[in-house]
Amino acid sequence: MGWWPDILNPFKIGVMSKQEMERKRAIIQLVGETEAMGDMMVRMNRQCYEKCSAALMERGEDLSLDETACIDCCAAKFLEAQMKVGQVFMQEAQESGMPGAPSA
C-alpha cells in the first residue's frame, strides 16, 4: 500500500487492539499535522517572497537589508496570524463540543 506502514493500512484485515488503534490514530494525526505545517510554510514563503523580493530574480542579486527586514516582518506577522486563527478555531471547537477538541 505505497509508503504507508502496515499499521496505517486502512485495508489491513484483522482486529486491532486498543493500543494498536491508539498508535494508528496518533501516527495519522502526526502525519496530518506535518502536512499542514509544510503547507503553511509553502504559503508563507510564497506570500512573503511576492511581497518582499519578487524583483530579486530580475536583479540576480542577494537580498538587500530592506528585503531581509521585510521578509522577517512578513514571516512573523504570518505566523502570528496563523496562531490567532488556530486559537479561535480551538475555542470554537471546544464551545461546540467537537469530538477530539482539547478541553479547557
C-alpha atoms as a PDB file:
ATOM      1  CA  MET A   1       0.000   0.000   0.000  1.00  0.00           C
ATOM      2  CA  GLY A   2       2.625   2.549  -1.039  1.00  0.00           C
ATOM      3  CA  TRP A   3       4.666   4.172   1.683  1.00  0.00           C
ATOM      4  CA  TRP A   4       2.075   3.570   4.398  1.00  0.00           C
ATOM      5  CA  PRO A   5       3.363   1.328   7.161  1.00  0.00           C
ATOM      6  CA  ASP A   6       1.256  -1.731   7.861  1.00  0.00           C
ATOM      7  CA  ILE A   7      -0.284  -0.200  10.983  1.00  0.00           C
ATOM      8  CA  LEU A   8      -1.754   2.644   8.888  1.00  0.00           C
ATOM      9  CA  ASN A   9      -3.060   0.420   6.099  1.00  0.00           C
ATOM     10  CA  PRO A  10      -6.838   1.019   6.076  1.00  0.00           C
ATOM     11  CA  PHE A  11      -7.301  -2.254   4.174  1.00  0.00           C
ATOM     12  CA  LYS A  12      -5.451  -4.387   6.722  1.00  0.00           C
ATOM     13  CA  ILE A  13      -7.675  -7.289   7.574  1.00  0.00           C
ATOM     14  CA  GLY A  14      -7.961  -8.327  11.176  1.00  0.00           C
ATOM     15  CA  VAL A  15      -8.806  -6.963  14.558  1.00  0.00           C
ATOM     16  CA  MET A  16      -6.578  -4.330  16.112  1.00  0.00           C
ATOM     17  CA  SER A  17      -6.043  -3.997  19.814  1.00  0.00           C
ATOM     18  CA  LYS A  18      -6.919  -0.739  21.556  1.00  0.00           C
ATOM     19  CA  GLN A  19      -3.189   0.022  21.814  1.00  0.00           C
ATOM     20  CA  GLU A  20      -2.739  -0.520  18.052  1.00  0.00           C
ATOM     21  CA  MET A  21      -5.723   1.732  17.327  1.00  0.00           C
ATOM     22  CA  GLU A  22      -4.347   4.500  19.560  1.00  0.00           C
ATOM     23  CA  ARG A  23      -0.938   4.213  17.916  1.00  0.00           C
ATOM     24  CA  LYS A  24      -2.538   4.337  14.470  1.00  0.00           C
ATOM     25  CA  ARG A  25      -4.600   7.388  15.445  1.00  0.00           C
ATOM     26  CA  ALA A  26      -1.502   9.176  16.816  1.00  0.00           C
ATOM     27  CA  ILE A  27       0.535   8.460  13.675  1.00  0.00           C
ATOM     28  CA  ILE A  28      -2.251   9.645  11.379  1.00  0.00           C
ATOM     29  CA  GLN A  29      -2.608  12.829  13.449  1.00  0.00           C
ATOM     30  CA  LEU A  30       1.139  13.439  13.295  1.00  0.00           C
ATOM     31  CA  VAL A  31       1.192  12.929   9.521  1.00  0.00           C
ATOM     32  CA  GLY A  32      -1.694  15.376   9.147  1.00  0.00           C
ATOM     33  CA  GLU A  33      -0.017  17.970  11.345  1.00  0.00           C
ATOM     34  CA  THR A  34       3.243  17.592   9.421  1.00  0.00           C
ATOM     35  CA  GLU A  35       1.455  18.080   6.100  1.00  0.00           C
ATOM     36  CA  ALA A  36      -0.405  21.117   7.456  1.00  0.00           C
ATOM     37  CA  MET A  37       2.841  22.656   8.712  1.00  0.00           C
ATOM     38  CA  GLY A  38       4.505  22.067   5.347  1.00  0.00           C
ATOM     39  CA  ASP A  39       1.545  23.659   3.566  1.00  0.00           C
ATOM     40  CA  MET A  40       1.699  26.667   5.898  1.00  0.00           C
ATOM     41  CA  MET A  41       5.425  27.105   5.209  1.00  0.00           C
ATOM     42  CA  VAL A  42       4.844  26.981   1.443  1.00  0.00           C
ATOM     43  CA  ARG A  43       2.081  29.608   1.705  1.00  0.00           C
ATOM     44  CA  MET A  44       4.221  31.826   3.947  1.00  0.00           C
ATOM     45  CA  ASN A  45       7.226  31.563   1.625  1.00  0.00           C
ATOM     46  CA  ARG A  46       5.110  32.367  -1.423  1.00  0.00           C
ATOM     47  CA  GLN A  47       3.322  35.296   0.205  1.00  0.00           C
ATOM     48  CA  CYS A  48       6.444  36.856   1.707  1.00  0.00           C
ATOM     49  CA  TYR A  49       8.504  36.318  -1.447  1.00  0.00           C
ATOM     50  CA  GLU A  50       5.853  38.034  -3.586  1.00  0.00           C
ATOM     51  CA  LYS A  51       5.557  40.893  -1.102  1.00  0.00           C
ATOM     52  CA  CYS A  52       9.222  41.477  -0.326  1.00  0.00           C
ATOM     53  CA  SER A  53      11.530  40.209  -3.027  1.00  0.00           C
ATOM     54  CA  ALA A  54       9.666  39.495  -6.261  1.00  0.00           C
ATOM     55  CA  ALA A  55      12.176  41.617  -8.186  1.00  0.00           C
ATOM     56  CA  LEU A  56      15.089  39.605  -6.792  1.00  0.00           C
ATOM     57  CA  MET A  57      15.198  37.185  -9.708  1.00  0.00           C
ATOM     58  CA  GLU A  58      15.228  40.036 -12.194  1.00  0.00           C
ATOM     59  CA  ARG A  59      18.201  41.672 -10.457  1.00  0.00           C
ATOM     60  CA  GLY A  60      20.071  38.446  -9.856  1.00  0.00           C
ATOM     61  CA  GLU A  61      21.464  39.775  -6.584  1.00  0.00           C
ATOM     62  CA  ASP A  62      21.374  38.815  -2.932  1.00  0.00           C
ATOM     63  CA  LEU A  63      18.627  40.155  -0.677  1.00  0.00           C
ATOM     64  CA  SER A  64      19.034  43.753   0.367  1.00  0.00           C
ATOM     65  CA  LEU A  65      18.754  44.741   4.023  1.00  0.00           C
ATOM     66  CA  ASP A  66      15.284  46.161   3.347  1.00  0.00           C
ATOM     67  CA  GLU A  67      14.167  42.904   1.700  1.00  0.00           C
ATOM     68  CA  THR A  68      15.589  40.865   4.572  1.00  0.00           C
ATOM     69  CA  ALA A  69      13.766  43.032   7.123  1.00  0.00           C
ATOM     70  CA  CYS A  70      10.565  42.814   5.069  1.00  0.00           C
ATOM     71  CA  ILE A  71      10.740  39.016   4.913  1.00  0.00           C
ATOM     72  CA  ASP A  72      11.444  38.789   8.646  1.00  0.00           C
ATOM     73  CA  CYS A  73       8.477  41.021   9.473  1.00  0.00           C
ATOM     74  CA  CYS A  74       6.231  39.266   6.941  1.00  0.00           C
ATOM     75  CA  ALA A  75       7.039  35.815   8.337  1.00  0.00           C
ATOM     76  CA  ALA A  76       6.463  36.986  11.923  1.00  0.00           C
ATOM     77  CA  LYS A  77       3.084  38.521  11.021  1.00  0.00           C
ATOM     78  CA  PHE A  78       2.078  35.436   9.018  1.00  0.00           C
ATOM     79  CA  LEU A  79       2.878  33.099  11.926  1.00  0.00           C
ATOM     80  CA  GLU A  80       1.140  35.387  14.422  1.00  0.00           C
ATOM     81  CA  ALA A  81      -1.988  35.423  12.252  1.00  0.00           C
ATOM     82  CA  GLN A  82      -1.890  31.620  11.955  1.00  0.00           C
ATOM     83  CA  MET A  83      -1.650  31.316  15.746  1.00  0.00           C
ATOM     84  CA  LYS A  84      -4.645  33.632  16.250  1.00  0.00           C
ATOM     85  CA  VAL A  85      -6.714  31.715  13.704  1.00  0.00           C
ATOM     86  CA  GLY A  86      -5.757  28.435  15.408  1.00  0.00           C
ATOM     87  CA  GLN A  87      -6.750  29.788  18.826  1.00  0.00           C
ATOM     88  CA  VAL A  88     -10.140  30.946  17.534  1.00  0.00           C
ATOM     89  CA  PHE A  89     -10.688  27.592  15.835  1.00  0.00           C
ATOM     90  CA  MET A  90      -9.811  25.672  19.020  1.00  0.00           C
ATOM     91  CA  GLN A  91     -12.077  27.890  21.128  1.00  0.00           C
ATOM     92  CA  GLU A  92     -14.994  27.398  18.747  1.00  0.00           C
ATOM     93  CA  ALA A  93     -14.327  23.652  18.624  1.00  0.00           C
ATOM     94  CA  GLN A  94     -14.406  23.486  22.434  1.00  0.00           C
ATOM     95  CA  GLU A  95     -17.590  25.541  22.646  1.00  0.00           C
ATOM     96  CA  SER A  96     -19.342  23.400  20.047  1.00  0.00           C
ATOM     97  CA  GLY A  97     -18.247  20.184  21.750  1.00  0.00           C
ATOM     98  CA  MET A  98     -16.470  18.955  18.638  1.00  0.00           C
ATOM     99  CA  PRO A  99     -15.083  15.444  19.191  1.00  0.00           C
ATOM    100  CA  GLY A 100     -11.312  15.477  19.703  1.00  0.00           C
ATOM    101  CA  ALA A 101     -11.217  19.123  20.729  1.00  0.00           C
ATOM    102  CA  PRO A 102      -8.996  19.738  23.751  1.00  0.00           C
ATOM    103  CA  SER A 103     -10.885  20.580  26.902  1.00  0.00           C
ATOM    104  CA  ALA A 104     -10.427  23.945  28.572  1.00  0.00           C
END
